[in-house]
Amino acid sequence: MTLSSKQELLFWLIGVVAVIELFDNSHTFNVVAATYYYGFALLSIVLFLFWLRFRKRPEPKPKWLKILANVVLVVVSATFLLYLAGVATWYE
């Protein structure tokens, strides 16, 4: 899959906003049935963004895109770990 820098930027921005919105609507600290569907969607987006960051590209990425990708991965990973911690502590 060949994407331009602008197209990839769009994926990164949509991905981080989607993860934050899913986490916000997931009822993480008050687990209901929909919480697990939101968690699956969160995991899917996180995995897609990791794939997007570490896939092989024919040409090197611009430095600003590498930095943005790393920052977004930190944010979405931390959000997903917070989701997991919220679900895990609810069962205690």
PDB file of N, CA and C in Angstrom:
ATOM      1  N   MET A   1       0.847  -1.161   0.000  1.00  0.00           N
ATOM      2  CA  MET A   1       0.000   0.000   0.000  1.00  0.00           C
ATOM      3  C   MET A   1       0.902   1.236   0.000  1.00  0.00           C
ATOM      4  N   THR A   2       0.803   2.043  -1.023  1.00  0.00           N
ATOM      5  CA  THR A   2       1.610   3.247  -1.113  1.00  0.00           C
ATOM      6  C   THR A   2       0.737   4.462  -0.794  1.00  0.00           C
ATOM      7  N   LEU A   3       1.141   5.180   0.223  1.00  0.00           N
ATOM      8  CA  LEU A   3       0.422   6.384   0.646  1.00  0.00           C
ATOM      9  C   LEU A   3       1.361   7.576   0.569  1.00  0.00           C
ATOM     10  N   SER A   4       0.808   8.705   0.212  1.00  0.00           N
ATOM     11  CA  SER A   4       1.600   9.928   0.277  1.00  0.00           C
ATOM     12  C   SER A   4       1.686  10.362   1.745  1.00  0.00           C
ATOM     13  N   SER A   5       2.541  11.314   2.016  1.00  0.00           N
ATOM     14  CA  SER A   5       2.693  11.803   3.389  1.00  0.00           C
ATOM     15  C   SER A   5       1.399  12.420   3.901  1.00  0.00           C
ATOM     16  N   LYS A   6       0.682  13.131   3.034  1.00  0.00           N
ATOM     17  CA  LYS A   6      -0.573  13.754   3.453  1.00  0.00           C
ATOM     18  C   LYS A   6      -1.640  12.706   3.744  1.00  0.00           C
ATOM     19  N   GLN A   7      -1.694  11.653   2.937  1.00  0.00           N
ATOM     20  CA  GLN A   7      -2.662  10.588   3.190  1.00  0.00           C
ATOM     21  C   GLN A   7      -2.345   9.863   4.500  1.00  0.00           C
ATOM     22  N   GLU A   8      -1.059   9.604   4.722  1.00  0.00           N
ATOM     23  CA  GLU A   8      -0.672   8.936   5.958  1.00  0.00           C
ATOM     24  C   GLU A   8      -0.938   9.823   7.173  1.00  0.00           C
ATOM     25  N   LEU A   9      -0.710  11.116   7.045  1.00  0.00           N
ATOM     26  CA  LEU A   9      -1.024  12.061   8.111  1.00  0.00           C
ATOM     27  C   LEU A   9      -2.498  11.987   8.460  1.00  0.00           C
ATOM     28  N   LEU A  10      -3.350  11.887   7.454  1.00  0.00           N
ATOM     29  CA  LEU A  10      -4.789  11.770   7.686  1.00  0.00           C
ATOM     30  C   LEU A  10      -5.121  10.501   8.477  1.00  0.00           C
ATOM     31  N   PHE A  11      -4.492   9.378   8.132  1.00  0.00           N
ATOM     32  CA  PHE A  11      -4.704   8.141   8.878  1.00  0.00           C
ATOM     33  C   PHE A  11      -4.300   8.301  10.338  1.00  0.00           C
ATOM     34  N   TRP A  12      -3.150   8.936  10.581  1.00  0.00           N
ATOM     35  CA  TRP A  12      -2.677   9.109  11.952  1.00  0.00           C
ATOM     36  C   TRP A  12      -3.620   9.985  12.768  1.00  0.00           C
ATOM     37  N   LEU A  13      -4.064  11.077  12.179  1.00  0.00           N
ATOM     38  CA  LEU A  13      -4.946  11.985  12.917  1.00  0.00           C
ATOM     39  C   LEU A  13      -6.315  11.361  13.167  1.00  0.00           C
ATOM     40  N   ILE A  14      -6.871  10.698  12.174  1.00  0.00           N
ATOM     41  CA  ILE A  14      -8.159  10.025  12.366  1.00  0.00           C
ATOM     42  C   ILE A  14      -8.019   8.906  13.385  1.00  0.00           C
ATOM     43  N   GLY A  15      -6.910   8.176  13.341  1.00  0.00           N
ATOM     44  CA  GLY A  15      -6.694   7.075  14.283  1.00  0.00           C
ATOM     45  C   GLY A  15      -6.634   7.538  15.728  1.00  0.00           C
ATOM     46  N   VAL A  16      -5.889   8.608  15.994  1.00  0.00           N
ATOM     47  CA  VAL A  16      -5.761   9.073  17.378  1.00  0.00           C
ATOM     48  C   VAL A  16      -7.083   9.642  17.881  1.00  0.00           C
ATOM     49  N   VAL A  17      -7.807  10.356  17.032  1.00  0.00           N
ATOM     50  CA  VAL A  17      -9.108  10.886  17.445  1.00  0.00           C
ATOM     51  C   VAL A  17     -10.101   9.744  17.682  1.00  0.00           C
ATOM     52  N   ALA A  18     -10.084   8.735  16.824  1.00  0.00           N
ATOM     53  CA  ALA A  18     -10.993   7.597  16.984  1.00  0.00           C
ATOM     54  C   ALA A  18     -10.715   6.836  18.285  1.00  0.00           C
ATOM     55  N   VAL A  19      -9.445   6.634  18.607  1.00  0.00           N
ATOM     56  CA  VAL A  19      -9.101   5.918  19.841  1.00  0.00           C
ATOM     57  C   VAL A  19      -9.565   6.713  21.059  1.00  0.00           C
ATOM     58  N   ILE A  20      -9.360   8.003  21.057  1.00  0.00           N
ATOM     59  CA  ILE A  20      -9.773   8.824  22.198  1.00  0.00           C
ATOM     60  C   ILE A  20     -11.291   8.824  22.337  1.00  0.00           C
ATOM     61  N   GLU A  21     -12.006   8.931  21.226  1.00  0.00           N
ATOM     62  CA  GLU A  21     -13.475   8.905  21.276  1.00  0.00           C
ATOM     63  C   GLU A  21     -14.001   7.538  21.724  1.00  0.00           C
ATOM     64  N   LEU A  22     -13.405   6.476  21.227  1.00  0.00           N
ATOM     65  CA  LEU A  22     -13.828   5.139  21.654  1.00  0.00           C
ATOM     66  C   LEU A  22     -13.590   4.944  23.146  1.00  0.00           C
ATOM     67  N   PHE A  23     -12.445   5.390  23.628  1.00  0.00           N
ATOM     68  CA  PHE A  23     -12.167   5.271  25.056  1.00  0.00           C
ATOM     69  C   PHE A  23     -13.162   6.097  25.868  1.00  0.00           C
ATOM     70  N   ASP A  24     -13.464   7.283  25.391  1.00  0.00           N
ATOM     71  CA  ASP A  24     -14.388   8.171  26.092  1.00  0.00           C
ATOM     72  C   ASP A  24     -15.791   7.554  26.185  1.00  0.00           C
ATOM     73  N   ASN A  25     -16.213   6.831  25.180  1.00  0.00           N
ATOM     74  CA  ASN A  25     -17.549   6.239  25.154  1.00  0.00           C
ATOM     75  C   ASN A  25     -17.603   4.800  25.656  1.00  0.00           C
ATOM     76  N   SER A  26     -16.491   4.241  26.114  1.00  0.00           N
ATOM     77  CA  SER A  26     -16.428   2.811  26.395  1.00  0.00           C
ATOM     78  C   SER A  26     -16.925   2.397  27.778  1.00  0.00           C
ATOM     79  N   HIS A  27     -17.254   3.313  28.654  1.00  0.00           N
ATOM     80  CA  HIS A  27     -17.682   2.974  30.026  1.00  0.00           C
ATOM     81  C   HIS A  27     -16.657   2.056  30.691  1.00  0.00           C
ATOM     82  N   THR A  28     -15.396   2.388  30.544  1.00  0.00           N
ATOM     83  CA  THR A  28     -14.311   1.527  31.000  1.00  0.00           C
ATOM     84  C   THR A  28     -14.362   1.255  32.492  1.00  0.00           C
ATOM     85  N   PHE A  29     -14.666   2.238  33.289  1.00  0.00           N
ATOM     86  CA  PHE A  29     -14.625   2.065  34.733  1.00  0.00           C
ATOM     87  C   PHE A  29     -15.990   1.668  35.292  1.00  0.00           C
ATOM     88  N   ASN A  30     -16.951   1.397  34.435  1.00  0.00           N
ATOM     89  CA  ASN A  30     -18.255   0.856  34.798  1.00  0.00           C
ATOM     90  C   ASN A  30     -18.632  -0.104  33.673  1.00  0.00           C
ATOM     91  N   VAL A  31     -18.090  -1.319  33.738  1.00  0.00           N
ATOM     92  CA  VAL A  31     -18.133  -2.250  32.626  1.00  0.00           C
ATOM     93  C   VAL A  31     -19.562  -2.695  32.323  1.00  0.00           C
ATOM     94  N   VAL A  32     -19.949  -2.526  31.060  1.00  0.00           N
ATOM     95  CA  VAL A  32     -21.207  -3.029  30.530  1.00  0.00           C
ATOM     96  C   VAL A  32     -20.854  -3.860  29.297  1.00  0.00           C
ATOM     97  N   ALA A  33     -21.850  -4.473  28.690  1.00  0.00           N
ATOM     98  CA  ALA A  33     -21.577  -5.346  27.546  1.00  0.00           C
ATOM     99  C   ALA A  33     -20.899  -4.605  26.392  1.00  0.00           C
ATOM    100  N   ALA A  34     -21.288  -3.366  26.143  1.00  0.00           N
ATOM    101  CA  ALA A  34     -20.709  -2.611  25.029  1.00  0.00           C
ATOM    102  C   ALA A  34     -19.243  -2.272  25.256  1.00  0.00           C
ATOM    103  N   THR A  35     -18.789  -2.329  26.493  1.00  0.00           N
ATOM    104  CA  THR A  35     -17.392  -2.011  26.799  1.00  0.00           C
ATOM    105  C   THR A  35     -16.446  -2.919  26.028  1.00  0.00           C
ATOM    106  N   TYR A  36     -16.802  -4.181  25.885  1.00  0.00           N
ATOM    107  CA  TYR A  36     -15.934  -5.124  25.192  1.00  0.00           C
ATOM    108  C   TYR A  36     -15.911  -4.862  23.687  1.00  0.00           C
ATOM    109  N   TYR A  37     -17.005  -4.405  23.115  1.00  0.00           N
ATOM    110  CA  TYR A  37     -17.017  -4.045  21.692  1.00  0.00           C
ATOM    111  C   TYR A  37     -16.142  -2.823  21.443  1.00  0.00           C
ATOM    112  N   TYR A  38     -16.228  -1.853  22.337  1.00  0.00           N
ATOM    113  CA  TYR A  38     -15.357  -0.689  22.231  1.00  0.00           C
ATOM    114  C   TYR A  38     -13.891  -1.097  22.386  1.00  0.00           C
ATOM    115  N   GLY A  39     -13.623  -2.023  23.281  1.00  0.00           N
ATOM    116  CA  GLY A  39     -12.260  -2.506  23.474  1.00  0.00           C
ATOM    117  C   GLY A  39     -11.720  -3.214  22.248  1.00  0.00           C
ATOM    118  N   PHE A  40     -12.581  -4.001  21.592  1.00  0.00           N
ATOM    119  CA  PHE A  40     -12.154  -4.667  20.360  1.00  0.00           C
ATOM    120  C   PHE A  40     -11.854  -3.639  19.272  1.00  0.00           C
ATOM    121  N   ALA A  41     -12.691  -2.618  19.166  1.00  0.00           N
ATOM    122  CA  ALA A  41     -12.448  -1.553  18.188  1.00  0.00           C
ATOM    123  C   ALA A  41     -11.158  -0.797  18.520  1.00  0.00           C
ATOM    124  N   LEU A  42     -10.931  -0.533  19.813  1.00  0.00           N
ATOM    125  CA  LEU A  42      -9.684   0.117  20.239  1.00  0.00           C
ATOM    126  C   LEU A  42      -8.473  -0.717  19.835  1.00  0.00           C
ATOM    127  N   LEU A  43      -8.518  -2.004  20.134  1.00  0.00           N
ATOM    128  CA  LEU A  43      -7.410  -2.894  19.806  1.00  0.00           C
ATOM    129  C   LEU A  43      -7.182  -2.941  18.299  1.00  0.00           C
ATOM    130  N   SER A  44      -8.244  -2.983  17.528  1.00  0.00           N
ATOM    131  CA  SER A  44      -8.112  -3.028  16.070  1.00  0.00           C
ATOM    132  C   SER A  44      -7.418  -1.784  15.534  1.00  0.00           C
ATOM    133  N   ILE A  45      -7.801  -0.628  16.036  1.00  0.00           N
ATOM    134  CA  ILE A  45      -7.177   0.613  15.570  1.00  0.00           C
ATOM    135  C   ILE A  45      -5.718   0.678  16.005  1.00  0.00           C
ATOM    136  N   VAL A  46      -5.430   0.266  17.226  1.00  0.00           N
ATOM    137  CA  VAL A  46      -4.048   0.281  17.716  1.00  0.00           C
ATOM    138  C   VAL A  46      -3.182  -0.643  16.855  1.00  0.00           C
ATOM    139  N   LEU A  47      -3.672  -1.830  16.555  1.00  0.00           N
ATOM    140  CA  LEU A  47      -2.905  -2.754  15.718  1.00  0.00           C
ATOM    141  C   LEU A  47      -2.708  -2.200  14.305  1.00  0.00           C
ATOM    142  N   PHE A  48      -3.749  -1.575  13.753  1.00  0.00           N
ATOM    143  CA  PHE A  48      -3.626  -0.981  12.426  1.00  0.00           C
ATOM    144  C   PHE A  48      -2.574   0.126  12.423  1.00  0.00           C
ATOM    145  N   LEU A  49      -2.563   0.952  13.454  1.00  0.00           N
ATOM    146  CA  LEU A  49      -1.586   2.036  13.513  1.00  0.00           C
ATOM    147  C   LEU A  49      -0.160   1.504  13.693  1.00  0.00           C
ATOM    148  N   PHE A  50      -0.001   0.421  14.454  1.00  0.00           N
ATOM    149  CA  PHE A  50       1.323  -0.193  14.569  1.00  0.00           C
ATOM    150  C   PHE A  50       1.764  -0.747  13.222  1.00  0.00           C
ATOM    151  N   TRP A  51       0.833  -1.380  12.502  1.00  0.00           N
ATOM    152  CA  TRP A  51       1.166  -1.881  11.173  1.00  0.00           C
ATOM    153  C   TRP A  51       1.554  -0.727  10.251  1.00  0.00           C
ATOM    154  N   LEU A  52       0.805   0.355  10.310  1.00  0.00           N
ATOM    155  CA  LEU A  52       1.070   1.520   9.473  1.00  0.00           C
ATOM    156  C   LEU A  52       2.456   2.093   9.764  1.00  0.00           C
ATOM    157  N   ARG A  53       2.859   2.099  11.011  1.00  0.00           N
ATOM    158  CA  ARG A  53       4.156   2.657  11.392  1.00  0.00           C
ATOM    159  C   ARG A  53       5.317   1.757  10.975  1.00  0.00           C
ATOM    160  N   PHE A  54       5.173   0.439  11.104  1.00  0.00           N
ATOM    161  CA  PHE A  54       6.303  -0.459  10.910  1.00  0.00           C
ATOM    162  C   PHE A  54       6.278  -1.220   9.595  1.00  0.00           C
ATOM    163  N   ARG A  55       5.405  -0.859   8.665  1.00  0.00           N
ATOM    164  CA  ARG A  55       5.397  -1.539   7.372  1.00  0.00           C
ATOM    165  C   ARG A  55       6.592  -1.078   6.551  1.00  0.00           C
ATOM    166  N   LYS A  56       6.937  -1.883   5.559  1.00  0.00           N
ATOM    167  CA  LYS A  56       8.062  -1.524   4.692  1.00  0.00           C
ATOM    168  C   LYS A  56       7.581  -0.537   3.643  1.00  0.00           C
ATOM    169  N   ARG A  57       8.372   0.493   3.447  1.00  0.00           N
ATOM    170  CA  ARG A  57       8.049   1.520   2.456  1.00  0.00           C
ATOM    171  C   ARG A  57       9.176   1.596   1.439  1.00  0.00           C
ATOM    172  N   PRO A  58       8.827   1.840   0.167  1.00  0.00           N
ATOM    173  CA  PRO A  58       9.882   1.942  -0.849  1.00  0.00           C
ATOM    174  C   PRO A  58      10.753   3.192  -0.675  1.00  0.00           C
ATOM    175  N   GLU A  59      10.175   4.294  -0.191  1.00  0.00           N
ATOM    176  CA  GLU A  59      10.955   5.510   0.026  1.00  0.00           C
ATOM    177  C   GLU A  59      10.893   5.858   1.519  1.00  0.00           C
ATOM    178  N   PRO A  60      11.907   6.520   2.030  1.00  0.00           N
ATOM    179  CA  PRO A  60      11.891   6.870   3.465  1.00  0.00           C
ATOM    180  C   PRO A  60      10.832   7.932   3.768  1.00  0.00           C
ATOM    181  N   LYS A  61      10.334   7.867   5.002  1.00  0.00           N
ATOM    182  CA  LYS A  61       9.341   8.844   5.455  1.00  0.00           C
ATOM    183  C   LYS A  61      10.030  10.144   5.838  1.00  0.00           C
ATOM    184  N   PRO A  62       9.304  11.254   5.739  1.00  0.00           N
ATOM    185  CA  PRO A  62       9.857  12.513   6.250  1.00  0.00           C
ATOM    186  C   PRO A  62      10.028  12.432   7.772  1.00  0.00           C
ATOM    187  N   LYS A  63      10.981  13.151   8.290  1.00  0.00           N
ATOM    188  CA  LYS A  63      11.277  13.109   9.729  1.00  0.00           C
ATOM    189  C   LYS A  63      10.072  13.537  10.563  1.00  0.00           C
ATOM    190  N   TRP A  64       9.321  14.559  10.117  1.00  0.00           N
ATOM    191  CA  TRP A  64       8.168  15.029  10.875  1.00  0.00           C
ATOM    192  C   TRP A  64       7.095  13.948  10.965  1.00  0.00           C
ATOM    193  N   LEU A  65       6.985  13.111   9.931  1.00  0.00           N
ATOM    194  CA  LEU A  65       5.988  12.049   9.950  1.00  0.00           C
ATOM    195  C   LEU A  65       6.401  10.931  10.897  1.00  0.00           C
ATOM    196  N   LYS A  66       7.696  10.638  10.969  1.00  0.00           N
ATOM    197  CA  LYS A  66       8.197   9.639  11.924  1.00  0.00           C
ATOM    198  C   LYS A  66       7.921  10.091  13.361  1.00  0.00           C
ATOM    199  N   ILE A  67       8.187  11.355  13.641  1.00  0.00           N
ATOM    200  CA  ILE A  67       7.967  11.882  14.991  1.00  0.00           C
ATOM    201  C   ILE A  67       6.481  11.846  15.334  1.00  0.00           C
ATOM    202  N   LEU A  68       5.642  12.288  14.409  1.00  0.00           N
ATOM    203  CA  LEU A  68       4.195  12.263  14.637  1.00  0.00           C
ATOM    204  C   LEU A  68       3.702  10.835  14.866  1.00  0.00           C
ATOM    205  N   ALA A  69       4.190   9.895  14.058  1.00  0.00           N
ATOM    206  CA  ALA A  69       3.772   8.500  14.194  1.00  0.00           C
ATOM    207  C   ALA A  69       4.150   7.946  15.566  1.00  0.00           C
ATOM    208  N   ASN A  70       5.347   8.257  16.021  1.00  0.00           N
ATOM    209  CA  ASN A  70       5.788   7.774  17.331  1.00  0.00           C
ATOM    210  C   ASN A  70       4.962   8.390  18.460  1.00  0.00           C
ATOM    211  N   VAL A  71       4.668   9.670  18.366  1.00  0.00           N
ATOM    212  CA  VAL A  71       3.852  10.327  19.392  1.00  0.00           C
ATOM    213  C   VAL A  71       2.439   9.730  19.415  1.00  0.00           C
ATOM    214  N   VAL A  72       1.860   9.539  18.240  1.00  0.00           N
ATOM    215  CA  VAL A  72       0.509   8.956  18.172  1.00  0.00           C
ATOM    216  C   VAL A  72       0.512   7.542  18.736  1.00  0.00           C
ATOM    217  N   LEU A  73       1.543   6.747  18.431  1.00  0.00           N
ATOM    218  CA  LEU A  73       1.602   5.388  18.969  1.00  0.00           C
ATOM    219  C   LEU A  73       1.708   5.380  20.486  1.00  0.00           C
ATOM    220  N   VAL A  74       2.436   6.322  21.044  1.00  0.00           N
ATOM    221  CA  VAL A  74       2.529   6.414  22.506  1.00  0.00           C
ATOM    222  C   VAL A  74       1.157   6.752  23.091  1.00  0.00           C
ATOM    223  N   VAL A  75       0.458   7.704  22.473  1.00  0.00           N
ATOM    224  CA  VAL A  75      -0.855   8.123  22.981  1.00  0.00           C
ATOM    225  C   VAL A  75      -1.866   6.990  22.885  1.00  0.00           C
ATOM    226  N   VAL A  76      -1.933   6.308  21.727  1.00  0.00           N
ATOM    227  CA  VAL A  76      -2.939   5.251  21.580  1.00  0.00           C
ATOM    228  C   VAL A  76      -2.595   4.038  22.427  1.00  0.00           C
ATOM    229  N   SER A  77      -1.308   3.738  22.596  1.00  0.00           N
ATOM    230  CA  SER A  77      -0.924   2.616  23.459  1.00  0.00           C
ATOM    231  C   SER A  77      -1.265   2.911  24.914  1.00  0.00           C
ATOM    232  N   ALA A  78      -0.984   4.127  25.360  1.00  0.00           N
ATOM    233  CA  ALA A  78      -1.320   4.509  26.737  1.00  0.00           C
ATOM    234  C   ALA A  78      -2.830   4.487  26.956  1.00  0.00           C
ATOM    235  N   THR A  79      -3.587   4.927  25.966  1.00  0.00           N
ATOM    236  CA  THR A  79      -5.047   4.907  26.075  1.00  0.00           C
ATOM    237  C   THR A  79      -5.552   3.484  26.167  1.00  0.00           C
ATOM    238  N   PHE A  80      -4.999   2.591  25.357  1.00  0.00           N
ATOM    239  CA  PHE A  80      -5.434   1.191  25.401  1.00  0.00           C
ATOM    240  C   PHE A  80      -5.045   0.539  26.729  1.00  0.00           C
ATOM    241  N   LEU A  81      -3.864   0.845  27.238  1.00  0.00           N
ATOM    242  CA  LEU A  81      -3.466   0.297  28.538  1.00  0.00           C
ATOM    243  C   LEU A  81      -4.354   0.839  29.661  1.00  0.00           C
ATOM    244  N   LEU A  82      -4.757   2.084  29.567  1.00  0.00           N
ATOM    245  CA  LEU A  82      -5.691   2.646  30.540  1.00  0.00           C
ATOM    246  C   LEU A  82      -7.038   1.938  30.460  1.00  0.00           C
ATOM    247  N   TYR A  83      -7.484   1.638  29.244  1.00  0.00           N
ATOM    248  CA  TYR A  83      -8.718   0.877  29.049  1.00  0.00           C
ATOM    249  C   TYR A  83      -8.593  -0.495  29.730  1.00  0.00           C
ATOM    250  N   LEU A  84      -7.482  -1.196  29.483  1.00  0.00           N
ATOM    251  CA  LEU A  84      -7.291  -2.513  30.093  1.00  0.00           C
ATOM    252  C   LEU A  84      -7.244  -2.431  31.618  1.00  0.00           C
ATOM    253  N   ALA A  85      -6.573  -1.416  32.144  1.00  0.00           N
ATOM    254  CA  ALA A  85      -6.503  -1.247  33.595  1.00  0.00           C
ATOM    255  C   ALA A  85      -7.887  -0.964  34.174  1.00  0.00           C
ATOM    256  N   GLY A  86      -8.678  -0.165  33.481  1.00  0.00           N
ATOM    257  CA  GLY A  86     -10.032   0.130  33.966  1.00  0.00           C
ATOM    258  C   GLY A  86     -10.910  -1.098  33.993  1.00  0.00           C
ATOM    259  N   VAL A  87     -10.839  -1.917  32.961  1.00  0.00           N
ATOM    260  CA  VAL A  87     -11.653  -3.145  32.924  1.00  0.00           C
ATOM    261  C   VAL A  87     -11.155  -4.126  33.988  1.00  0.00           C
ATOM    262  N   ALA A  88      -9.837  -4.252  34.125  1.00  0.00           N
ATOM    263  CA  ALA A  88      -9.267  -5.201  35.096  1.00  0.00           C
ATOM    264  C   ALA A  88      -9.611  -4.801  36.535  1.00  0.00           C
ATOM    265  N   THR A  89      -9.553  -3.518  36.835  1.00  0.00           N
ATOM    266  CA  THR A  89      -9.842  -3.104  38.213  1.00  0.00           C
ATOM    267  C   THR A  89     -11.328  -3.161  38.528  1.00  0.00           C
ATOM    268  N   TRP A  90     -12.173  -3.136  37.527  1.00  0.00           N
ATOM    269  CA  TRP A  90     -13.603  -3.229  37.776  1.00  0.00           C
ATOM    270  C   TRP A  90     -13.972  -4.592  38.331  1.00  0.00           C
ATOM    271  N   TYR A  91     -13.230  -5.623  37.938  1.00  0.00           N
ATOM    272  CA  TYR A  91     -13.546  -6.978  38.386  1.00  0.00           C
ATOM    273  C   TYR A  91     -13.002  -7.298  39.760  1.00  0.00           C
ATOM    274  N   GLU A  92     -12.203  -6.438  40.355  1.00  0.00           N
ATOM    275  CA  GLU A  92     -11.646  -6.738  41.688  1.00  0.00           C
ATOM    276  C   GLU A  92     -12.664  -6.553  42.768  1.00  0.00           C
TER     277      GLU A  92
END
